[in-house]
Amino acid sequence: MKLLSGIFVAAVSGKTINRENRPTLEETRDVINEIAEQPAVMETNVGEQPKVINTLVGVPEIADDVHGPQNLPPPPSPPIGEDEIHELLLLPMPAIPVFDATYFGVQTCNKNSALLEFCEQANPALFSLRREVESDPSHCTCLDPFTGQVTVWYQECSKPCPSEDGNTCVEQRASDLAMLEHATNNGTYIADFAPTECEKENEAFFLAKNWRWTGECFCHSPLTGINMAAVPCELECPTLQNGVLSFPDQ
């Protein structure tokens, strides 16, 4: 026991052990107490760990001071000053359409000298229903009397143009229904096709306004059925009053 104590004390103090300098039991205890009073110093090679923060969902993320700023939402825009509000109030408002003759493409034929040859002789304010094709006088082009739009580009002049007897709305609707029946009997489906609609009070006239599946309403010439313009569905379309188109109130 004494030998082991001597070895321990000598190892700590760095002395060589022999018979002359063998430590006593009291010296051994003093050395042990001195070692116990000194703080233990331990070296480590572990590198500095990055700081970690936890998000609201518990997913760890590297702190901003380690890998740069996070992708945060931008700050709110500063409030608009009174001068800027005044400038916004001075901006021009979009023009509200006026649903008049110009909007629906209706023209007075004899008011335009370039259109005189297209005017109806009996009523020059209207366009003639037909006009001979210059290269082939036996064929004609049909026109809408209110807008001058072409309703039929090329047909024999002996055939009636739209709005004439034998080619009014009721005949066109009958032709459309017959075509649909023929297609159904042959197992054919005609996509995006709707038969012509006529006015209930007078089936010779085309329905002035109809609703489309796109949510819009379209106005039609009551005599030829051509599309004149789209309008809000709460607005009335032009109607025929004593041979003259009457436009809705604004």
C-alpha atoms as a PDB file:
ATOM      1  CA  MET A   1       0.000   0.000   0.000  1.00  0.00           C
ATOM      2  CA  LYS A   2       2.806   2.398   0.948  1.00  0.00           C
ATOM      3  CA  LEU A   3       4.623   1.576  -2.300  1.00  0.00           C
ATOM      4  CA  LEU A   4       1.544   2.332  -4.442  1.00  0.00           C
ATOM      5  CA  SER A   5       0.963   5.624  -2.617  1.00  0.00           C
ATOM      6  CA  GLY A   6       4.556   6.611  -3.234  1.00  0.00           C
ATOM      7  CA  ILE A   7       4.315   5.843  -6.939  1.00  0.00           C
ATOM      8  CA  PHE A   8       1.151   7.935  -7.245  1.00  0.00           C
ATOM      9  CA  VAL A   9       2.607  10.934  -5.410  1.00  0.00           C
ATOM     10  CA  ALA A  10       5.833  10.767  -7.384  1.00  0.00           C
ATOM     11  CA  ALA A  11       3.978  10.525 -10.691  1.00  0.00           C
ATOM     12  CA  VAL A  12       1.985  13.619  -9.850  1.00  0.00           C
ATOM     13  CA  SER A  13       4.914  15.659  -8.590  1.00  0.00           C
ATOM     14  CA  GLY A  14       7.370  14.417 -11.230  1.00  0.00           C
ATOM     15  CA  LYS A  15       9.918  13.060  -8.720  1.00  0.00           C
ATOM     16  CA  THR A  16      12.003   9.894  -8.865  1.00  0.00           C
ATOM     17  CA  ILE A  17      11.114   7.357  -6.180  1.00  0.00           C
ATOM     18  CA  ASN A  18      13.773   5.740  -3.961  1.00  0.00           C
ATOM     19  CA  ARG A  19      14.117   4.630  -0.361  1.00  0.00           C
ATOM     20  CA  GLU A  20      15.201   8.052   0.830  1.00  0.00           C
ATOM     21  CA  ASN A  21      12.364  10.103  -0.709  1.00  0.00           C
ATOM     22  CA  ARG A  22       9.528   7.636  -0.243  1.00  0.00           C
ATOM     23  CA  PRO A  23       6.425   9.764   0.724  1.00  0.00           C
ATOM     24  CA  THR A  24       4.625   9.194   3.935  1.00  0.00           C
ATOM     25  CA  LEU A  25       0.906   8.441   4.178  1.00  0.00           C
ATOM     26  CA  GLU A  26       0.157  12.043   5.201  1.00  0.00           C
ATOM     27  CA  GLU A  27       1.958  13.426   2.114  1.00  0.00           C
ATOM     28  CA  THR A  28      -0.043  11.118  -0.128  1.00  0.00           C
ATOM     29  CA  ARG A  29      -3.326  12.378   1.325  1.00  0.00           C
ATOM     30  CA  ASP A  30      -2.272  16.013   0.905  1.00  0.00           C
ATOM     31  CA  VAL A  31      -1.515  15.451  -2.781  1.00  0.00           C
ATOM     32  CA  ILE A  32      -4.883  13.720  -3.355  1.00  0.00           C
ATOM     33  CA  ASN A  33      -6.753  16.592  -1.672  1.00  0.00           C
ATOM     34  CA  GLU A  34      -4.857  19.164  -3.757  1.00  0.00           C
ATOM     35  CA  ILE A  35      -5.806  17.384  -6.979  1.00  0.00           C
ATOM     36  CA  ALA A  36      -9.474  17.190  -5.929  1.00  0.00           C
ATOM     37  CA  GLU A  37      -9.588  20.966  -5.322  1.00  0.00           C
ATOM     38  CA  GLN A  38      -8.297  21.826  -8.866  1.00  0.00           C
ATOM     39  CA  PRO A  39     -10.997  22.123 -11.653  1.00  0.00           C
ATOM     40  CA  ALA A  40     -10.836  19.469 -14.320  1.00  0.00           C
ATOM     41  CA  VAL A  41      -9.802  20.799 -17.739  1.00  0.00           C
ATOM     42  CA  MET A  42     -10.884  18.723 -20.732  1.00  0.00           C
ATOM     43  CA  GLU A  43      -9.926  19.509 -24.323  1.00  0.00           C
ATOM     44  CA  THR A  44     -12.372  18.822 -27.114  1.00  0.00           C
ATOM     45  CA  ASN A  45     -12.069  18.843 -30.868  1.00  0.00           C
ATOM     46  CA  VAL A  46     -15.790  19.150 -31.522  1.00  0.00           C
ATOM     47  CA  GLY A  47     -16.434  22.110 -33.858  1.00  0.00           C
ATOM     48  CA  GLU A  48     -18.918  24.861 -33.172  1.00  0.00           C
ATOM     49  CA  GLN A  49     -22.435  23.733 -34.046  1.00  0.00           C
ATOM     50  CA  PRO A  50     -24.715  26.085 -35.996  1.00  0.00           C
ATOM     51  CA  LYS A  51     -27.541  27.669 -34.132  1.00  0.00           C
ATOM     52  CA  VAL A  52     -30.877  26.011 -34.840  1.00  0.00           C
ATOM     53  CA  ILE A  53     -34.340  27.506 -34.482  1.00  0.00           C
ATOM     54  CA  ASN A  54     -37.685  25.742 -34.677  1.00  0.00           C
ATOM     55  CA  THR A  55     -40.503  26.961 -36.883  1.00  0.00           C
ATOM     56  CA  LEU A  56     -44.156  26.967 -35.865  1.00  0.00           C
ATOM     57  CA  VAL A  57     -44.574  23.482 -37.315  1.00  0.00           C
ATOM     58  CA  GLY A  58     -41.564  22.124 -35.442  1.00  0.00           C
ATOM     59  CA  VAL A  59     -39.214  21.884 -38.418  1.00  0.00           C
ATOM     60  CA  PRO A  60     -35.657  22.963 -37.490  1.00  0.00           C
ATOM     61  CA  GLU A  61     -34.109  25.692 -39.585  1.00  0.00           C
ATOM     62  CA  ILE A  62     -30.658  27.273 -39.546  1.00  0.00           C
ATOM     63  CA  ALA A  63     -30.712  30.640 -37.799  1.00  0.00           C
ATOM     64  CA  ASP A  64     -30.508  33.819 -39.892  1.00  0.00           C
ATOM     65  CA  ASP A  65     -27.055  34.789 -38.626  1.00  0.00           C
ATOM     66  CA  VAL A  66     -25.588  31.527 -39.965  1.00  0.00           C
ATOM     67  CA  HIS A  67     -27.025  31.156 -43.483  1.00  0.00           C
ATOM     68  CA  GLY A  68     -28.417  34.580 -44.317  1.00  0.00           C
ATOM     69  CA  PRO A  69     -31.942  36.023 -44.109  1.00  0.00           C
ATOM     70  CA  GLN A  70     -35.076  33.902 -44.444  1.00  0.00           C
ATOM     71  CA  ASN A  71     -37.591  34.321 -47.311  1.00  0.00           C
ATOM     72  CA  LEU A  72     -39.951  36.559 -45.400  1.00  0.00           C
ATOM     73  CA  PRO A  73     -42.992  38.382 -46.921  1.00  0.00           C
ATOM     74  CA  PRO A  74     -42.288  41.956 -48.025  1.00  0.00           C
ATOM     75  CA  PRO A  75     -43.313  44.751 -45.705  1.00  0.00           C
ATOM     76  CA  PRO A  76     -46.656  46.456 -46.381  1.00  0.00           C
ATOM     77  CA  SER A  77     -46.730  49.358 -48.807  1.00  0.00           C
ATOM     78  CA  PRO A  78     -46.689  52.818 -47.292  1.00  0.00           C
ATOM     79  CA  PRO A  79     -50.058  54.581 -47.063  1.00  0.00           C
ATOM     80  CA  ILE A  80     -51.151  56.678 -50.046  1.00  0.00           C
ATOM     81  CA  GLY A  81     -50.798  60.389 -49.497  1.00  0.00           C
ATOM     82  CA  GLU A  82     -53.532  62.941 -50.106  1.00  0.00           C
ATOM     83  CA  ASP A  83     -51.816  64.231 -53.256  1.00  0.00           C
ATOM     84  CA  GLU A  84     -51.717  60.756 -54.777  1.00  0.00           C
ATOM     85  CA  ILE A  85     -55.386  60.193 -53.922  1.00  0.00           C
ATOM     86  CA  HIS A  86     -56.244  63.457 -55.680  1.00  0.00           C
ATOM     87  CA  GLU A  87     -54.316  62.354 -58.782  1.00  0.00           C
ATOM     88  CA  LEU A  88     -56.187  59.041 -58.837  1.00  0.00           C
ATOM     89  CA  LEU A  89     -59.503  60.877 -58.703  1.00  0.00           C
ATOM     90  CA  LEU A  90     -58.475  62.930 -61.734  1.00  0.00           C
ATOM     91  CA  LEU A  91     -57.831  59.856 -63.916  1.00  0.00           C
ATOM     92  CA  PRO A  92     -60.338  59.567 -66.785  1.00  0.00           C
ATOM     93  CA  MET A  93     -63.098  57.066 -66.224  1.00  0.00           C
ATOM     94  CA  PRO A  94     -63.741  54.440 -68.929  1.00  0.00           C
ATOM     95  CA  ALA A  95     -66.389  55.536 -71.373  1.00  0.00           C
ATOM     96  CA  ILE A  96     -69.852  54.073 -70.856  1.00  0.00           C
ATOM     97  CA  PRO A  97     -71.250  52.798 -74.162  1.00  0.00           C
ATOM     98  CA  VAL A  98     -74.261  54.594 -75.591  1.00  0.00           C
ATOM     99  CA  PHE A  99     -76.679  52.082 -77.042  1.00  0.00           C
ATOM    100  CA  ASP A 100     -77.768  54.136 -80.026  1.00  0.00           C
ATOM    101  CA  ALA A 101     -77.942  53.537 -83.762  1.00  0.00           C
ATOM    102  CA  THR A 102     -74.150  53.816 -84.123  1.00  0.00           C
ATOM    103  CA  TYR A 103     -73.577  51.171 -81.452  1.00  0.00           C
ATOM    104  CA  PHE A 104     -75.830  48.705 -83.272  1.00  0.00           C
ATOM    105  CA  GLY A 105     -74.319  49.524 -86.672  1.00  0.00           C
ATOM    106  CA  VAL A 106     -77.527  51.062 -88.041  1.00  0.00           C
ATOM    107  CA  GLN A 107     -76.946  53.561 -90.862  1.00  0.00           C
ATOM    108  CA  THR A 108     -79.079  55.908 -92.884  1.00  0.00           C
ATOM    109  CA  CYS A 109     -78.169  54.813 -96.371  1.00  0.00           C
ATOM    110  CA  ASN A 110     -78.801  58.051 -98.283  1.00  0.00           C
ATOM    111  CA  LYS A 111     -76.783  60.152 -95.800  1.00  0.00           C
ATOM    112  CA  ASN A 112     -73.572  58.687 -97.205  1.00  0.00           C
ATOM    113  CA  SER A 113     -72.977  59.583-100.828  1.00  0.00           C
ATOM    114  CA  ALA A 114     -70.704  56.562-101.249  1.00  0.00           C
ATOM    115  CA  LEU A 115     -73.622  54.242-100.410  1.00  0.00           C
ATOM    116  CA  LEU A 116     -76.298  55.730-102.680  1.00  0.00           C
ATOM    117  CA  GLU A 117     -76.078  52.852-105.138  1.00  0.00           C
ATOM    118  CA  PHE A 118     -76.926  50.439-102.301  1.00  0.00           C
ATOM    119  CA  CYS A 119     -80.047  52.348-101.146  1.00  0.00           C
ATOM    120  CA  GLU A 120     -83.610  51.178-101.612  1.00  0.00           C
ATOM    121  CA  GLN A 121     -85.367  53.259-104.280  1.00  0.00           C
ATOM    122  CA  ALA A 122     -88.718  53.269-102.511  1.00  0.00           C
ATOM    123  CA  ASN A 123     -87.144  54.234 -99.160  1.00  0.00           C
ATOM    124  CA  PRO A 124     -83.591  55.627 -99.633  1.00  0.00           C
ATOM    125  CA  ALA A 125     -82.982  55.639 -95.871  1.00  0.00           C
ATOM    126  CA  LEU A 126     -82.791  51.826 -96.021  1.00  0.00           C
ATOM    127  CA  PHE A 127     -80.388  49.580 -97.883  1.00  0.00           C
ATOM    128  CA  SER A 128     -81.679  47.577-100.814  1.00  0.00           C
ATOM    129  CA  LEU A 129     -82.332  43.916 -99.979  1.00  0.00           C
ATOM    130  CA  ARG A 130     -80.375  42.702-103.012  1.00  0.00           C
ATOM    131  CA  ARG A 131     -77.665  43.876-105.352  1.00  0.00           C
ATOM    132  CA  GLU A 132     -76.574  42.248-108.587  1.00  0.00           C
ATOM    133  CA  VAL A 133     -73.094  40.759-108.740  1.00  0.00           C
ATOM    134  CA  GLU A 134     -71.150  42.803-111.330  1.00  0.00           C
ATOM    135  CA  SER A 135     -69.396  39.810-112.876  1.00  0.00           C
ATOM    136  CA  ASP A 136     -72.602  37.743-113.001  1.00  0.00           C
ATOM    137  CA  PRO A 137     -75.872  39.744-113.160  1.00  0.00           C
ATOM    138  CA  SER A 138     -77.930  36.578-112.761  1.00  0.00           C
ATOM    139  CA  HIS A 139     -76.684  36.269-109.159  1.00  0.00           C
ATOM    140  CA  CYS A 140     -77.208  38.699-106.327  1.00  0.00           C
ATOM    141  CA  THR A 141     -75.850  39.628-102.922  1.00  0.00           C
ATOM    142  CA  CYS A 142     -78.429  40.119-100.163  1.00  0.00           C
ATOM    143  CA  LEU A 143     -78.139  42.940 -97.601  1.00  0.00           C
ATOM    144  CA  ASP A 144     -79.722  43.844 -94.298  1.00  0.00           C
ATOM    145  CA  PRO A 145     -81.877  46.969 -94.837  1.00  0.00           C
ATOM    146  CA  PHE A 146     -80.824  48.667 -91.569  1.00  0.00           C
ATOM    147  CA  THR A 147     -77.072  48.016 -91.360  1.00  0.00           C
ATOM    148  CA  GLY A 148     -76.099  47.198 -94.926  1.00  0.00           C
ATOM    149  CA  GLN A 149     -74.389  43.985 -93.762  1.00  0.00           C
ATOM    150  CA  VAL A 150     -74.316  41.139 -96.243  1.00  0.00           C
ATOM    151  CA  THR A 151     -76.729  38.346 -95.344  1.00  0.00           C
ATOM    152  CA  VAL A 152     -76.155  36.161 -98.420  1.00  0.00           C
ATOM    153  CA  TRP A 153     -73.060  36.581-100.544  1.00  0.00           C
ATOM    154  CA  TYR A 154     -74.017  34.805-103.724  1.00  0.00           C
ATOM    155  CA  GLN A 155     -77.318  33.343-104.826  1.00  0.00           C
ATOM    156  CA  GLU A 156     -79.587  33.397-107.864  1.00  0.00           C
ATOM    157  CA  CYS A 157     -81.460  36.680-108.058  1.00  0.00           C
ATOM    158  CA  SER A 158     -84.714  34.784-108.523  1.00  0.00           C
ATOM    159  CA  LYS A 159     -84.483  33.385-104.983  1.00  0.00           C
ATOM    160  CA  PRO A 160     -85.866  35.437-102.104  1.00  0.00           C
ATOM    161  CA  CYS A 161     -83.422  37.254 -99.816  1.00  0.00           C
ATOM    162  CA  PRO A 162     -83.869  37.104 -96.032  1.00  0.00           C
ATOM    163  CA  SER A 163     -87.049  38.975 -94.924  1.00  0.00           C
ATOM    164  CA  GLU A 164     -88.767  38.433 -98.301  1.00  0.00           C
ATOM    165  CA  ASP A 165     -91.737  36.092 -98.673  1.00  0.00           C
ATOM    166  CA  GLY A 166     -90.529  32.515 -98.583  1.00  0.00           C
ATOM    167  CA  ASN A 167     -87.367  33.414 -96.635  1.00  0.00           C
ATOM    168  CA  THR A 168     -88.593  34.937 -93.367  1.00  0.00           C
ATOM    169  CA  CYS A 169     -87.833  33.727 -89.867  1.00  0.00           C
ATOM    170  CA  VAL A 170     -90.518  31.053 -89.853  1.00  0.00           C
ATOM    171  CA  GLU A 171     -89.077  29.396 -92.997  1.00  0.00           C
ATOM    172  CA  GLN A 172     -85.517  29.513 -91.652  1.00  0.00           C
ATOM    173  CA  ARG A 173     -86.607  27.967 -88.363  1.00  0.00           C
ATOM    174  CA  ALA A 174     -88.430  25.181 -90.162  1.00  0.00           C
ATOM    175  CA  SER A 175     -85.299  24.513 -92.234  1.00  0.00           C
ATOM    176  CA  ASP A 176     -83.117  24.400 -89.091  1.00  0.00           C
ATOM    177  CA  LEU A 177     -85.463  21.973 -87.312  1.00  0.00           C
ATOM    178  CA  ALA A 178     -85.570  19.714 -90.367  1.00  0.00           C
ATOM    179  CA  MET A 179     -81.760  19.644 -90.480  1.00  0.00           C
ATOM    180  CA  LEU A 180     -81.565  18.731 -86.783  1.00  0.00           C
ATOM    181  CA  GLU A 181     -84.113  15.948 -87.223  1.00  0.00           C
ATOM    182  CA  HIS A 182     -82.211  14.554 -90.187  1.00  0.00           C
ATOM    183  CA  ALA A 183     -78.956  14.598 -88.219  1.00  0.00           C
ATOM    184  CA  THR A 184     -80.591  12.874 -85.236  1.00  0.00           C
ATOM    185  CA  ASN A 185     -82.039  10.146 -87.429  1.00  0.00           C
ATOM    186  CA  ASN A 186     -78.574   9.469 -88.808  1.00  0.00           C
ATOM    187  CA  GLY A 187     -76.945   9.401 -85.377  1.00  0.00           C
ATOM    188  CA  THR A 188     -75.146  12.700 -85.919  1.00  0.00           C
ATOM    189  CA  TYR A 189     -74.809  15.444 -83.316  1.00  0.00           C
ATOM    190  CA  ILE A 190     -74.325  19.046 -84.475  1.00  0.00           C
ATOM    191  CA  ALA A 191     -72.314  20.835 -81.796  1.00  0.00           C
ATOM    192  CA  ASP A 192     -73.016  24.450 -80.798  1.00  0.00           C
ATOM    193  CA  PHE A 193     -75.994  24.777 -83.115  1.00  0.00           C
ATOM    194  CA  ALA A 194     -79.318  26.264 -82.102  1.00  0.00           C
ATOM    195  CA  PRO A 195     -82.299  26.625 -84.433  1.00  0.00           C
ATOM    196  CA  THR A 196     -83.443  30.089 -85.443  1.00  0.00           C
ATOM    197  CA  GLU A 197     -85.820  31.784 -82.990  1.00  0.00           C
ATOM    198  CA  CYS A 198     -88.730  33.970 -84.063  1.00  0.00           C
ATOM    199  CA  GLU A 199     -90.901  36.563 -82.358  1.00  0.00           C
ATOM    200  CA  LYS A 200     -94.020  35.049 -80.819  1.00  0.00           C
ATOM    201  CA  GLU A 201     -96.272  37.929 -81.926  1.00  0.00           C
ATOM    202  CA  ASN A 202     -95.112  37.727 -85.551  1.00  0.00           C
ATOM    203  CA  GLU A 203     -93.103  34.667 -86.585  1.00  0.00           C
ATOM    204  CA  ALA A 204     -91.970  36.399 -89.772  1.00  0.00           C
ATOM    205  CA  PHE A 205     -89.669  38.536 -87.593  1.00  0.00           C
ATOM    206  CA  PHE A 206     -86.520  37.222 -85.966  1.00  0.00           C
ATOM    207  CA  LEU A 207     -86.198  37.271 -82.182  1.00  0.00           C
ATOM    208  CA  ALA A 208     -84.689  40.654 -81.301  1.00  0.00           C
ATOM    209  CA  LYS A 209     -82.602  39.373 -78.373  1.00  0.00           C
ATOM    210  CA  ASN A 210     -81.418  35.949 -77.356  1.00  0.00           C
ATOM    211  CA  TRP A 211     -79.256  34.658 -74.538  1.00  0.00           C
ATOM    212  CA  ARG A 212     -76.055  32.713 -75.200  1.00  0.00           C
ATOM    213  CA  TRP A 213     -74.568  30.039 -72.964  1.00  0.00           C
ATOM    214  CA  THR A 214     -71.561  32.319 -72.472  1.00  0.00           C
ATOM    215  CA  GLY A 215     -73.769  34.586 -70.328  1.00  0.00           C
ATOM    216  CA  GLU A 216     -74.114  37.353 -72.934  1.00  0.00           C
ATOM    217  CA  CYS A 217     -77.114  38.633 -74.843  1.00  0.00           C
ATOM    218  CA  PHE A 218     -77.077  39.557 -78.531  1.00  0.00           C
ATOM    219  CA  CYS A 219     -79.359  41.788 -80.518  1.00  0.00           C
ATOM    220  CA  HIS A 220     -80.478  40.786 -84.007  1.00  0.00           C
ATOM    221  CA  SER A 221     -81.988  42.587 -86.930  1.00  0.00           C
ATOM    222  CA  PRO A 222     -85.704  41.747 -86.766  1.00  0.00           C
ATOM    223  CA  LEU A 223     -85.938  41.396 -90.574  1.00  0.00           C
ATOM    224  CA  THR A 224     -82.836  39.337 -91.426  1.00  0.00           C
ATOM    225  CA  GLY A 225     -81.678  37.932 -88.076  1.00  0.00           C
ATOM    226  CA  ILE A 226     -78.048  39.075 -88.443  1.00  0.00           C
ATOM    227  CA  ASN A 227     -76.119  39.761 -85.249  1.00  0.00           C
ATOM    228  CA  MET A 228     -76.025  43.500 -84.541  1.00  0.00           C
ATOM    229  CA  ALA A 229     -74.258  43.811 -81.167  1.00  0.00           C
ATOM    230  CA  ALA A 230     -73.895  42.343 -77.679  1.00  0.00           C
ATOM    231  CA  VAL A 231     -75.680  44.118 -74.832  1.00  0.00           C
ATOM    232  CA  PRO A 232     -76.194  43.661 -71.098  1.00  0.00           C
ATOM    233  CA  CYS A 233     -79.010  41.166 -70.721  1.00  0.00           C
ATOM    234  CA  GLU A 234     -81.094  43.608 -68.687  1.00  0.00           C
ATOM    235  CA  LEU A 235     -81.139  46.027 -71.649  1.00  0.00           C
ATOM    236  CA  GLU A 236     -83.737  45.827 -74.412  1.00  0.00           C
ATOM    237  CA  CYS A 237     -82.706  45.435 -78.040  1.00  0.00           C
ATOM    238  CA  PRO A 238     -83.944  47.569 -80.961  1.00  0.00           C
ATOM    239  CA  THR A 239     -87.424  46.616 -82.109  1.00  0.00           C
ATOM    240  CA  LEU A 240     -89.338  47.243 -85.309  1.00  0.00           C
ATOM    241  CA  GLN A 241     -92.044  49.889 -84.950  1.00  0.00           C
ATOM    242  CA  ASN A 242     -94.002  50.735 -88.113  1.00  0.00           C
ATOM    243  CA  GLY A 243     -91.091  49.737 -90.325  1.00  0.00           C
ATOM    244  CA  VAL A 244     -88.551  51.761 -88.286  1.00  0.00           C
ATOM    245  CA  LEU A 245     -86.137  50.541 -85.684  1.00  0.00           C
ATOM    246  CA  SER A 246     -86.815  51.850 -82.172  1.00  0.00           C
ATOM    247  CA  PHE A 247     -83.862  51.952 -79.769  1.00  0.00           C
ATOM    248  CA  PRO A 248     -84.088  51.275 -76.024  1.00  0.00           C
ATOM    249  CA  ASP A 249     -83.978  54.028 -73.433  1.00  0.00           C
ATOM    250  CA  GLN A 250     -80.604  54.492 -71.767  1.00  0.00           C
END
